[in-house]
């Protein structure tokens, strides 16, 4: 397919839009990924704020039963631990 047949977003210009975009990851997963990216970049202030938002999302009352709640909480605890270890590098020199 040539570039002329695609719209600016890279989709086939000849096809009708198929509705709203499909999201493959939950918002909480995307925030967790952004948290790890901020940690990798050394931006601990942003990482802490993202972690606070993630914690708010995971601890509020769920609208529907959440079968992944335990896994989500384990990820949240691991994220808190990572941020703490990054902020206290001499603490893990045992």
Foldseek 3Di string as FASTA:
>chain_A
DDPVQADPVRHGVVDDDPDDDDDDDDPLVVLLVVLVVCVVVVNLVSNVVSLVVSCVVLPDDDPDDDPCNVVSVVSSVVSVVSSVCSVVVVVPPD
